[in-house]
C-alpha atoms as a PDB file:
ATOM      1  CA  MET A   1     -37.945  24.286  55.695  1.00  0.00           C
ATOM      2  CA  GLN A   2     -35.765  23.671  52.845  1.00  0.00           C
ATOM      3  CA  SER A   3     -33.628  20.443  52.758  1.00  0.00           C
ATOM      4  CA  PRO A   4     -29.806  20.919  52.366  1.00  0.00           C
ATOM      5  CA  HIS A   5     -30.387  19.189  49.021  1.00  0.00           C
ATOM      6  CA  THR A   6     -32.801  21.504  47.893  1.00  0.00           C
ATOM      7  CA  ALA A   7     -30.764  24.578  49.026  1.00  0.00           C
ATOM      8  CA  THR A   8     -27.705  23.361  47.180  1.00  0.00           C
ATOM      9  CA  HIS A   9     -30.042  22.907  44.075  1.00  0.00           C
ATOM     10  CA  ASP A  10     -31.166  26.417  44.232  1.00  0.00           C
ATOM     11  CA  VAL A  11     -27.801  27.769  44.891  1.00  0.00           C
ATOM     12  CA  CYS A  12     -26.438  25.715  41.743  1.00  0.00           C
ATOM     13  CA  SER A  13     -29.327  27.025  39.589  1.00  0.00           C
ATOM     14  CA  LYS A  14     -28.522  30.636  40.283  1.00  0.00           C
ATOM     15  CA  MET A  15     -25.064  30.205  39.271  1.00  0.00           C
ATOM     16  CA  ARG A  16     -25.666  28.415  36.093  1.00  0.00           C
ATOM     17  CA  GLY A  17     -25.568  31.911  34.261  1.00  0.00           C
ATOM     18  CA  ALA A  18     -22.054  32.771  35.247  1.00  0.00           C
ATOM     19  CA  PHE A  19     -20.333  29.500  35.922  1.00  0.00           C
ATOM     20  CA  ILE A  20     -19.940  26.012  34.632  1.00  0.00           C
ATOM     21  CA  ILE A  21     -21.693  23.711  37.088  1.00  0.00           C
ATOM     22  CA  ARG A  22     -19.897  20.498  38.213  1.00  0.00           C
ATOM     23  CA  PRO A  23     -21.887  17.499  39.290  1.00  0.00           C
ATOM     24  CA  ASP A  24     -20.604  18.196  43.063  1.00  0.00           C
ATOM     25  CA  CYS A  25     -21.861  21.845  43.016  1.00  0.00           C
ATOM     26  CA  GLY A  26     -22.616  23.088  46.416  1.00  0.00           C
ATOM     27  CA  THR A  27     -19.248  21.821  47.882  1.00  0.00           C
ATOM     28  CA  ASN A  28     -17.442  24.905  46.657  1.00  0.00           C
ATOM     29  CA  MET A  29     -16.230  23.169  43.318  1.00  0.00           C
ATOM     30  CA  ALA A  30     -18.321  25.406  40.847  1.00  0.00           C
ATOM     31  CA  MET A  31     -15.479  26.617  38.345  1.00  0.00           C
ATOM     32  CA  GLU A  32     -15.328  29.891  36.098  1.00  0.00           C
ATOM     33  CA  PRO A  33     -15.358  29.104  32.219  1.00  0.00           C
ATOM     34  CA  ARG A  34     -12.366  29.015  30.407  1.00  0.00           C
ATOM     35  CA  ARG A  35     -11.754  31.918  27.686  1.00  0.00           C
ATOM     36  CA  ARG A  36     -11.942  30.839  24.249  1.00  0.00           C
ATOM     37  CA  ARG A  37      -8.426  31.284  22.413  1.00  0.00           C
ATOM     38  CA  GLU A  38      -8.703  33.990  19.826  1.00  0.00           C
ATOM     39  CA  GLY A  39      -8.172  33.288  16.133  1.00  0.00           C
ATOM     40  CA  ARG A  40      -4.755  34.447  15.127  1.00  0.00           C
ATOM     41  CA  PRO A  41      -4.512  37.333  12.170  1.00  0.00           C
ATOM     42  CA  PRO A  42      -4.069  36.571   8.689  1.00  0.00           C
ATOM     43  CA  TYR A  43      -0.456  36.805   7.234  1.00  0.00           C
ATOM     44  CA  ASP A  44       1.156  39.927   6.008  1.00  0.00           C
ATOM     45  CA  GLU A  45       4.170  39.457   3.759  1.00  0.00           C
ATOM     46  CA  ALA A  46       6.561  39.518   6.854  1.00  0.00           C
ATOM     47  CA  GLY A  47       4.536  37.205   8.866  1.00  0.00           C
ATOM     48  CA  LEU A  48       4.648  34.765   5.922  1.00  0.00           C
ATOM     49  CA  GLU A  49       8.209  34.791   5.393  1.00  0.00           C
ATOM     50  CA  GLN A  50       8.888  34.662   9.228  1.00  0.00           C
ATOM     51  CA  ALA A  51       6.569  31.381   8.916  1.00  0.00           C
ATOM     52  CA  ALA A  52       8.788  30.081   6.362  1.00  0.00           C
ATOM     53  CA  LEU A  53      11.906  30.737   8.100  1.00  0.00           C
ATOM     54  CA  SER A  54      10.746  29.031  11.377  1.00  0.00           C
ATOM     55  CA  TYR A  55       9.712  25.980   9.119  1.00  0.00           C
ATOM     56  CA  ALA A  56      12.776  25.497   7.267  1.00  0.00           C
ATOM     57  CA  GLY A  57      14.901  25.908  10.490  1.00  0.00           C
ATOM     58  CA  ARG A  58      12.976  23.184  12.397  1.00  0.00           C
ATOM     59  CA  PHE A  59      12.908  20.663   9.435  1.00  0.00           C
ATOM     60  CA  ALA A  60      14.715  19.032   6.678  1.00  0.00           C
ATOM     61  CA  THR A  61      12.736  20.126   3.502  1.00  0.00           C
ATOM     62  CA  THR A  62      12.273  20.450   0.087  1.00  0.00           C
ATOM     63  CA  ARG A  63      11.044  23.389  -2.227  1.00  0.00           C
ATOM     64  CA  ALA A  64       7.601  21.480  -2.810  1.00  0.00           C
ATOM     65  CA  ARG A  65       7.021  20.787   0.865  1.00  0.00           C
ATOM     66  CA  LEU A  66       8.034  23.982   1.905  1.00  0.00           C
ATOM     67  CA  ALA A  67       5.260  25.696  -0.623  1.00  0.00           C
ATOM     68  CA  ALA A  68       2.889  23.123   0.446  1.00  0.00           C
ATOM     69  CA  TYR A  69       3.086  24.091   4.278  1.00  0.00           C
ATOM     70  CA  LEU A  70       2.935  27.728   3.194  1.00  0.00           C
ATOM     71  CA  THR A  71      -0.093  27.399   1.373  1.00  0.00           C
ATOM     72  CA  ARG A  72      -1.633  25.121   3.851  1.00  0.00           C
ATOM     73  CA  LYS A  73      -1.098  27.961   6.802  1.00  0.00           C
ATOM     74  CA  LEU A  74      -2.648  30.587   4.319  1.00  0.00           C
ATOM     75  CA  ARG A  75      -5.836  28.537   4.300  1.00  0.00           C
ATOM     76  CA  GLU A  76      -6.003  28.406   7.853  1.00  0.00           C
ATOM     77  CA  ARG A  77      -5.124  31.973   8.431  1.00  0.00           C
ATOM     78  CA  GLY A  78      -5.954  34.030   5.711  1.00  0.00           C
ATOM     79  CA  TRP A  79      -3.841  36.458   3.648  1.00  0.00           C
ATOM     80  CA  GLU A  80      -3.945  40.430   4.190  1.00  0.00           C
ATOM     81  CA  GLY A  81      -1.011  41.568   2.212  1.00  0.00           C
ATOM     82  CA  ALA A  82      -0.918  43.395  -0.835  1.00  0.00           C
ATOM     83  CA  GLY A  83      -1.541  41.235  -4.194  1.00  0.00           C
ATOM     84  CA  GLU A  84      -1.295  37.494  -4.118  1.00  0.00           C
ATOM     85  CA  PRO A  85       0.858  35.546  -1.321  1.00  0.00           C
ATOM     86  CA  PRO A  86       4.398  35.340  -2.706  1.00  0.00           C
ATOM     87  CA  VAL A  87       4.725  31.722  -1.852  1.00  0.00           C
ATOM     88  CA  ASP A  88       7.046  30.662  -4.732  1.00  0.00           C
ATOM     89  CA  ARG A  89       8.993  33.969  -4.278  1.00  0.00           C
ATOM     90  CA  LEU A  90       9.727  33.004  -0.770  1.00  0.00           C
ATOM     91  CA  VAL A  91      10.481  29.398  -1.636  1.00  0.00           C
ATOM     92  CA  GLU A  92      13.004  30.547  -3.989  1.00  0.00           C
ATOM     93  CA  LYS A  93      14.563  33.089  -1.752  1.00  0.00           C
ATOM     94  CA  LEU A  94      15.310  30.559   1.139  1.00  0.00           C
ATOM     95  CA  ALA A  95      16.573  27.889  -1.439  1.00  0.00           C
ATOM     96  CA  SER A  96      18.944  30.718  -2.616  1.00  0.00           C
ATOM     97  CA  LEU A  97      20.111  31.377   1.107  1.00  0.00           C
ATOM     98  CA  GLY A  98      20.612  27.679   1.540  1.00  0.00           C
ATOM     99  CA  TYR A  99      17.661  27.094   3.755  1.00  0.00           C
ATOM    100  CA  VAL A 100      16.290  24.828   1.366  1.00  0.00           C
ATOM    101  CA  ASP A 101      18.246  22.352  -0.873  1.00  0.00           C
ATOM    102  CA  ASP A 102      16.623  19.566  -2.389  1.00  0.00           C
ATOM    103  CA  ARG A 103      19.834  17.897  -3.683  1.00  0.00           C
ATOM    104  CA  SER A 104      21.086  17.462  -0.077  1.00  0.00           C
ATOM    105  CA  PHE A 105      17.628  16.582   1.036  1.00  0.00           C
ATOM    106  CA  ALA A 106      17.649  13.908  -1.661  1.00  0.00           C
ATOM    107  CA  GLU A 107      21.093  12.372  -0.496  1.00  0.00           C
ATOM    108  CA  ALA A 108      20.494  12.553   2.924  1.00  0.00           C
ATOM    109  CA  ARG A 109      16.991  10.498   2.694  1.00  0.00           C
ATOM    110  CA  ALA A 110      18.701   7.968   0.314  1.00  0.00           C
ATOM    111  CA  ALA A 111      21.172   7.351   2.620  1.00  0.00           C
ATOM    112  CA  ALA A 112      18.931   6.848   5.655  1.00  0.00           C
ATOM    113  CA  LEU A 113      16.928   4.552   3.703  1.00  0.00           C
ATOM    114  CA  GLY A 114      19.891   2.620   2.669  1.00  0.00           C
ATOM    115  CA  ARG A 115      21.086   2.553   6.054  1.00  0.00           C
ATOM    116  CA  ARG A 116      17.719   0.524   7.058  1.00  0.00           C
ATOM    117  CA  GLY A 117      18.116  -1.633   4.239  1.00  0.00           C
ATOM    118  CA  TYR A 118      15.779  -0.227   1.454  1.00  0.00           C
ATOM    119  CA  GLY A 119      16.139  -0.481  -2.157  1.00  0.00           C
ATOM    120  CA  LEU A 120      16.272   1.898  -5.136  1.00  0.00           C
ATOM    121  CA  ARG A 121      12.422   1.691  -5.513  1.00  0.00           C
ATOM    122  CA  ARG A 122      11.416   2.838  -2.052  1.00  0.00           C
ATOM    123  CA  VAL A 123      14.344   5.772  -2.445  1.00  0.00           C
ATOM    124  CA  THR A 124      12.392   6.791  -5.551  1.00  0.00           C
ATOM    125  CA  GLU A 125       9.089   6.814  -4.059  1.00  0.00           C
ATOM    126  CA  ALA A 126      10.339   8.723  -1.026  1.00  0.00           C
ATOM    127  CA  LEU A 127      11.838  11.162  -3.374  1.00  0.00           C
ATOM    128  CA  ARG A 128       8.834  11.598  -5.483  1.00  0.00           C
ATOM    129  CA  ALA A 129       6.948  12.095  -2.519  1.00  0.00           C
ATOM    130  CA  ALA A 130       8.906  14.950  -0.980  1.00  0.00           C
ATOM    131  CA  GLY A 131       8.543  16.658  -4.479  1.00  0.00           C
ATOM    132  CA  VAL A 132      12.151  16.313  -5.394  1.00  0.00           C
ATOM    133  CA  GLY A 133      12.780  16.749  -9.189  1.00  0.00           C
ATOM    134  CA  GLU A 134      14.587  14.431 -11.306  1.00  0.00           C
ATOM    135  CA  GLU A 135      17.681  16.509 -11.839  1.00  0.00           C
ATOM    136  CA  ASP A 136      18.201  17.331  -7.823  1.00  0.00           C
ATOM    137  CA  GLY A 137      17.274  13.438  -7.204  1.00  0.00           C
ATOM    138  CA  ALA A 138      19.807  11.930  -9.778  1.00  0.00           C
ATOM    139  CA  GLU A 139      22.963  11.566  -7.483  1.00  0.00           C
ATOM    140  CA  ALA A 140      20.858  10.198  -4.798  1.00  0.00           C
ATOM    141  CA  LYS A 141      19.316   7.561  -7.020  1.00  0.00           C
ATOM    142  CA  ALA A 142      22.529   6.746  -8.528  1.00  0.00           C
ATOM    143  CA  ILE A 143      24.093   6.077  -5.132  1.00  0.00           C
ATOM    144  CA  ALA A 144      21.120   3.852  -3.806  1.00  0.00           C
ATOM    145  CA  ARG A 145      21.616   1.861  -7.183  1.00  0.00           C
ATOM    146  CA  ASP A 146      25.255   1.333  -6.476  1.00  0.00           C
ATOM    147  CA  GLN A 147      24.649   0.460  -3.267  1.00  0.00           C
ATOM    148  CA  ALA A 148      21.729  -1.967  -3.743  1.00  0.00           C
ATOM    149  CA  TRP A 149      23.465  -5.143  -2.823  1.00  0.00           C
ATOM    150  CA  GLU A 150      24.529  -3.759   0.588  1.00  0.00           C
ATOM    151  CA  ALA A 151      21.044  -2.329   1.441  1.00  0.00           C
ATOM    152  CA  ALA A 152      19.537  -5.526   0.770  1.00  0.00           C
ATOM    153  CA  LEU A 153      21.829  -7.612   2.853  1.00  0.00           C
ATOM    154  CA  ARG A 154      21.143  -4.952   5.664  1.00  0.00           C
ATOM    155  CA  PHE A 155      17.783  -5.645   5.230  1.00  0.00           C
ATOM    156  CA  ALA A 156      17.835  -9.290   5.447  1.00  0.00           C
ATOM    157  CA  ARG A 157      20.042  -9.091   8.466  1.00  0.00           C
ATOM    158  CA  ARG A 158      17.690  -6.746  10.294  1.00  0.00           C
ATOM    159  CA  ARG A 159      14.591  -9.063   9.278  1.00  0.00           C
ATOM    160  CA  ARG A 160      16.700 -12.205   9.978  1.00  0.00           C
ATOM    161  CA  ILE A 161      15.565 -13.968   6.353  1.00  0.00           C
ATOM    162  CA  GLY A 162      17.565 -15.686   3.933  1.00  0.00           C
ATOM    163  CA  PRO A 163      21.151 -16.092   4.928  1.00  0.00           C
ATOM    164  CA  PHE A 164      20.477 -14.612   8.374  1.00  0.00           C
ATOM    165  CA  ALA A 165      17.471 -16.563   9.408  1.00  0.00           C
ATOM    166  CA  SER A 166      18.257 -18.685  12.272  1.00  0.00           C
ATOM    167  CA  ASP A 167      16.570 -21.989  11.042  1.00  0.00           C
ATOM    168  CA  GLU A 168      16.022 -23.328   7.522  1.00  0.00           C
ATOM    169  CA  PRO A 169      13.032 -21.802   6.443  1.00  0.00           C
ATOM    170  CA  THR A 170       9.859 -23.728   5.138  1.00  0.00           C
ATOM    171  CA  PRO A 171       8.646 -22.631   1.530  1.00  0.00           C
ATOM    172  CA  GLU A 172       5.920 -20.639   3.063  1.00  0.00           C
ATOM    173  CA  ALA A 173       8.835 -18.878   5.144  1.00  0.00           C
ATOM    174  CA  ARG A 174      10.756 -18.156   1.793  1.00  0.00           C
ATOM    175  CA  GLU A 175       7.874 -16.566   0.047  1.00  0.00           C
ATOM    176  CA  LYS A 176       7.397 -14.249   3.030  1.00  0.00           C
ATOM    177  CA  ALA A 177      10.922 -13.276   2.888  1.00  0.00           C
ATOM    178  CA  LEU A 178      10.590 -12.587  -0.783  1.00  0.00           C
ATOM    179  CA  ALA A 179       7.475 -10.349  -0.494  1.00  0.00           C
ATOM    180  CA  ALA A 180       9.394  -8.297   2.353  1.00  0.00           C
ATOM    181  CA  LEU A 181      12.329  -7.931   0.103  1.00  0.00           C
ATOM    182  CA  LEU A 182      10.238  -6.634  -2.605  1.00  0.00           C
ATOM    183  CA  ARG A 183       8.323  -4.504  -0.414  1.00  0.00           C
ATOM    184  CA  ALA A 184      11.493  -2.853   0.477  1.00  0.00           C
ATOM    185  CA  GLY A 185      12.215  -1.862  -2.684  1.00  0.00           C
ATOM    186  CA  HIS A 186      14.689  -4.355  -3.839  1.00  0.00           C
ATOM    187  CA  PRO A 187      14.344  -5.824  -7.452  1.00  0.00           C
ATOM    188  CA  LEU A 188      12.827  -9.187  -8.139  1.00  0.00           C
ATOM    189  CA  ASP A 189      16.263 -11.168  -9.039  1.00  0.00           C
ATOM    190  CA  LEU A 190      18.169  -9.815  -6.002  1.00  0.00           C
ATOM    191  CA  ALA A 191      15.192 -10.461  -3.666  1.00  0.00           C
ATOM    192  CA  ARG A 192      15.172 -14.021  -4.964  1.00  0.00           C
ATOM    193  CA  ARG A 193      18.713 -14.604  -4.539  1.00  0.00           C
ATOM    194  CA  LEU A 194      18.473 -13.879  -0.704  1.00  0.00           C
ATOM    195  CA  ALA A 195      15.007 -15.078  -0.107  1.00  0.00           C
ATOM    196  CA  ARG A 196      16.279 -18.576  -1.342  1.00  0.00           C
ATOM    197  CA  SER A 197      19.960 -18.670   0.572  1.00  0.00           C
ATOM    198  CA  ARG A 198      20.485 -20.865   3.213  1.00  0.00           C
ATOM    199  CA  PRO A 199      21.180 -19.725   6.734  1.00  0.00           C
ATOM    200  CA  GLY A 200      24.770 -18.918   7.156  1.00  0.00           C
ATOM    201  CA  GLU A 201      25.260 -18.982   3.334  1.00  0.00           C
ATOM    202  CA  VAL A 202      25.841 -15.300   1.925  1.00  0.00           C
ATOM    203  CA  PRO A 203      25.504 -15.376  -1.649  1.00  0.00           C
ATOM    204  CA  GLU A 204      28.484 -12.991  -3.380  1.00  0.00           C
ATOM    205  CA  ALA A 205      26.975  -9.681  -4.908  1.00  0.00           C
ATOM    206  CA  ASP A 206      28.030 -10.822  -8.441  1.00  0.00           C
ATOM    207  CA  SER A 207      26.866 -14.417  -8.033  1.00  0.00           C
ATOM    208  CA  GLY A 208      24.290 -16.150 -10.636  1.00  0.00           C
END
């Protein structure tokens, strides 16, 4: 006569071809295998345009970023349309319709970075990374340049350094404050003035 353990083992063995067996098989805990997700079909022109519209509708983007997104999606799913994938043509079409606006993107990004206290160098780096050209980014960088002092004060206030420190900083703390201001994209002369300021003594923008 078979023991309960042996009987359970035999039932589980017979079920292995059709079920995923769990360690506690024999207590009605066998599970049907999950079906694999079928791969999505390659893009045609209409599908690629829909992908472009969907992306541009969800994210503030640039021509370069949209082109990179479409190129990545084509690598993932392939292309079955006629000729080469019309990536550049779709990007320009969406730009002409106002879905993509590099200049507006640049100004919005520069304003957001300025509110967080970042300087011109960080703004320039962010626009370059987003693929914004010199012409489209010129106004945004000009605004960041004009508001450099205000942005530096915001950064110092947020980080509680320089004139916004709670206590008189040590020389080491001043060096760390200077390094933080430089990493935030502020020029050396401006960063030094703020890092060397005593708590509660906010220097004037045009002071030497």
